[in-house]
Amino acid sequence: MNLPSVILAILIIVFACWLVTSGLPQIAEIAAANVPAVAWTETPHPGWIATTTPTRVSI
């Protein structure tokens, strides 16, 4: 491996670690702040469940 590709690989690894440790919680916080509190207390739309959960919910 030549030096530029090694540096690029290190930068990608560092970015991935940052994304997992601080990026994703920040994004989740921003998303949660933008969603009204009613959406968490009341039963959400079946389509909304299907898109947000990895397993498809059939109602």
N, C-alpha and C. Protein backbone atom coordinates (compact mmCIF):
# COMPACT_ATOMS: atom_id res chain seq x y z
N MET A 1 0.85 -1.21 0.00
CA MET A 1 0.00 0.00 0.00
C MET A 1 0.88 1.25 0.00
N ASN A 2 0.49 2.21 -0.80
CA ASN A 2 1.24 3.47 -0.81
C ASN A 2 0.69 4.41 0.26
N LEU A 3 1.46 5.43 0.56
CA LEU A 3 1.15 6.33 1.69
C LEU A 3 -0.21 7.02 1.58
N PRO A 4 -0.59 7.60 0.44
CA PRO A 4 -1.90 8.28 0.38
C PRO A 4 -3.08 7.36 0.71
N SER A 5 -3.03 6.12 0.27
CA SER A 5 -4.15 5.21 0.55
C SER A 5 -4.17 4.81 2.03
N VAL A 6 -3.00 4.74 2.66
CA VAL A 6 -2.93 4.43 4.10
C VAL A 6 -3.54 5.59 4.90
N ILE A 7 -3.18 6.82 4.51
CA ILE A 7 -3.72 8.00 5.20
C ILE A 7 -5.24 8.06 5.01
N LEU A 8 -5.70 7.78 3.79
CA LEU A 8 -7.13 7.79 3.51
C LEU A 8 -7.86 6.74 4.35
N ALA A 9 -7.29 5.55 4.45
CA ALA A 9 -7.90 4.48 5.24
C ALA A 9 -8.00 4.87 6.72
N ILE A 10 -6.95 5.50 7.24
CA ILE A 10 -6.95 5.95 8.64
C ILE A 10 -8.04 7.00 8.85
N LEU A 11 -8.15 7.94 7.91
CA LEU A 11 -9.17 8.99 8.02
C LEU A 11 -10.58 8.40 7.99
N ILE A 12 -10.79 7.41 7.15
CA ILE A 12 -12.11 6.76 7.07
C ILE A 12 -12.44 6.05 8.39
N ILE A 13 -11.45 5.37 8.96
CA ILE A 13 -11.65 4.67 10.24
C ILE A 13 -11.97 5.67 11.36
N VAL A 14 -11.22 6.78 11.39
CA VAL A 14 -11.45 7.81 12.41
C VAL A 14 -12.84 8.41 12.25
N PHE A 15 -13.24 8.68 11.00
CA PHE A 15 -14.56 9.25 10.75
C PHE A 15 -15.66 8.27 11.17
N ALA A 16 -15.46 6.99 10.87
CA ALA A 16 -16.45 5.98 11.25
C ALA A 16 -16.59 5.89 12.78
N CYS A 17 -15.46 5.94 13.47
CA CYS A 17 -15.49 5.92 14.94
C CYS A 17 -16.19 7.14 15.50
N TRP A 18 -15.93 8.31 14.91
CA TRP A 18 -16.59 9.54 15.35
C TRP A 18 -18.09 9.45 15.13
N LEU A 19 -18.47 8.90 13.97
CA LEU A 19 -19.88 8.79 13.63
C LEU A 19 -20.61 7.92 14.64
N VAL A 20 -19.99 6.82 15.05
CA VAL A 20 -20.62 5.90 16.00
C VAL A 20 -20.68 6.51 17.39
N THR A 21 -19.60 7.17 17.81
CA THR A 21 -19.54 7.67 19.20
C THR A 21 -20.29 8.97 19.40
N SER A 22 -20.15 9.94 18.50
CA SER A 22 -20.78 11.24 18.74
C SER A 22 -21.72 11.68 17.63
N GLY A 23 -21.51 11.23 16.42
CA GLY A 23 -22.34 11.67 15.30
C GLY A 23 -23.75 11.13 15.37
N LEU A 24 -23.89 9.82 15.57
CA LEU A 24 -25.21 9.20 15.57
C LEU A 24 -26.09 9.67 16.73
N PRO A 25 -25.58 9.74 17.96
CA PRO A 25 -26.43 10.26 19.05
C PRO A 25 -26.89 11.69 18.80
N GLN A 26 -26.02 12.52 18.20
CA GLN A 26 -26.40 13.90 17.89
C GLN A 26 -27.52 13.92 16.88
N ILE A 27 -27.39 13.12 15.82
CA ILE A 27 -28.41 13.05 14.78
C ILE A 27 -29.73 12.55 15.38
N ALA A 28 -29.63 11.54 16.26
CA ALA A 28 -30.83 11.00 16.91
C ALA A 28 -31.49 12.04 17.80
N GLU A 29 -30.66 12.83 18.51
CA GLU A 29 -31.21 13.89 19.37
C GLU A 29 -31.95 14.93 18.56
N ILE A 30 -31.34 15.35 17.45
CA ILE A 30 -31.95 16.36 16.58
C ILE A 30 -33.27 15.82 16.01
N ALA A 31 -33.25 14.56 15.58
CA ALA A 31 -34.46 13.94 15.02
C ALA A 31 -35.55 13.84 16.09
N ALA A 32 -35.18 13.46 17.31
CA ALA A 32 -36.15 13.34 18.40
C ALA A 32 -36.73 14.70 18.78
N ALA A 33 -35.90 15.74 18.69
CA ALA A 33 -36.37 17.08 19.03
C ALA A 33 -37.37 17.59 17.99
N ASN A 34 -37.21 17.16 16.74
CA ASN A 34 -38.09 17.63 15.68
C ASN A 34 -39.40 16.86 15.62
N VAL A 35 -39.42 15.66 16.21
CA VAL A 35 -40.65 14.86 16.23
C VAL A 35 -41.50 15.30 17.42
N PRO A 36 -42.77 15.60 17.19
CA PRO A 36 -43.63 16.01 18.31
C PRO A 36 -43.75 14.91 19.36
N ALA A 37 -43.95 15.31 20.62
CA ALA A 37 -44.04 14.34 21.72
C ALA A 37 -45.24 13.42 21.56
N VAL A 38 -46.25 13.88 20.83
CA VAL A 38 -47.47 13.08 20.63
C VAL A 38 -47.14 11.79 19.88
N ALA A 39 -46.18 11.86 18.96
CA ALA A 39 -45.83 10.69 18.15
C ALA A 39 -45.29 9.55 19.00
N TRP A 40 -44.68 9.89 20.14
CA TRP A 40 -44.11 8.84 21.00
C TRP A 40 -45.16 8.27 21.95
N THR A 41 -46.17 9.06 22.32
CA THR A 41 -47.15 8.59 23.30
C THR A 41 -48.32 7.87 22.62
N GLU A 42 -48.79 8.38 21.49
CA GLU A 42 -49.90 7.74 20.80
C GLU A 42 -49.38 6.67 19.86
N THR A 43 -50.28 5.80 19.42
CA THR A 43 -49.89 4.73 18.50
C THR A 43 -49.59 5.34 17.14
N PRO A 44 -48.36 5.15 16.65
CA PRO A 44 -48.01 5.74 15.36
C PRO A 44 -48.68 5.03 14.19
N HIS A 45 -48.62 5.63 13.04
CA HIS A 45 -49.20 5.08 11.83
C HIS A 45 -48.47 3.78 11.46
N PRO A 46 -49.21 2.74 11.00
CA PRO A 46 -48.56 1.47 10.64
C PRO A 46 -47.44 1.64 9.61
N GLY A 47 -47.62 2.55 8.66
CA GLY A 47 -46.58 2.80 7.66
C GLY A 47 -45.33 3.37 8.30
N TRP A 48 -45.53 4.20 9.33
CA TRP A 48 -44.41 4.80 10.03
C TRP A 48 -43.61 3.73 10.77
N ILE A 49 -44.31 2.75 11.36
CA ILE A 49 -43.64 1.65 12.06
C ILE A 49 -42.81 0.84 11.06
N ALA A 50 -43.39 0.57 9.90
CA ALA A 50 -42.72 -0.26 8.90
C ALA A 50 -41.44 0.41 8.39
N THR A 51 -41.46 1.74 8.32
CA THR A 51 -40.28 2.42 7.77
C THR A 51 -39.21 2.64 8.82
N THR A 52 -39.57 2.76 10.10
CA THR A 52 -38.57 3.07 11.13
C THR A 52 -38.00 1.83 11.79
N THR A 53 -38.71 0.72 11.78
CA THR A 53 -38.18 -0.49 12.40
C THR A 53 -37.60 -1.42 11.34
N PRO A 54 -36.51 -2.12 11.66
CA PRO A 54 -35.90 -3.01 10.69
C PRO A 54 -36.79 -4.18 10.30
N THR A 55 -37.60 -4.65 11.25
CA THR A 55 -38.51 -5.75 10.93
C THR A 55 -39.86 -5.17 10.50
N ARG A 56 -40.41 -5.68 9.45
CA ARG A 56 -41.67 -5.16 8.91
C ARG A 56 -42.83 -5.57 9.83
N VAL A 57 -43.64 -4.59 10.19
CA VAL A 57 -44.79 -4.84 11.05
C VAL A 57 -46.03 -4.87 10.19
N SER A 58 -46.78 -5.96 10.27
CA SER A 58 -48.01 -6.05 9.48
C SER A 58 -49.21 -5.90 10.41
N ILE A 59 -50.00 -4.88 10.15
CA ILE A 59 -51.19 -4.63 10.99
C ILE A 59 -52.42 -4.71 10.10
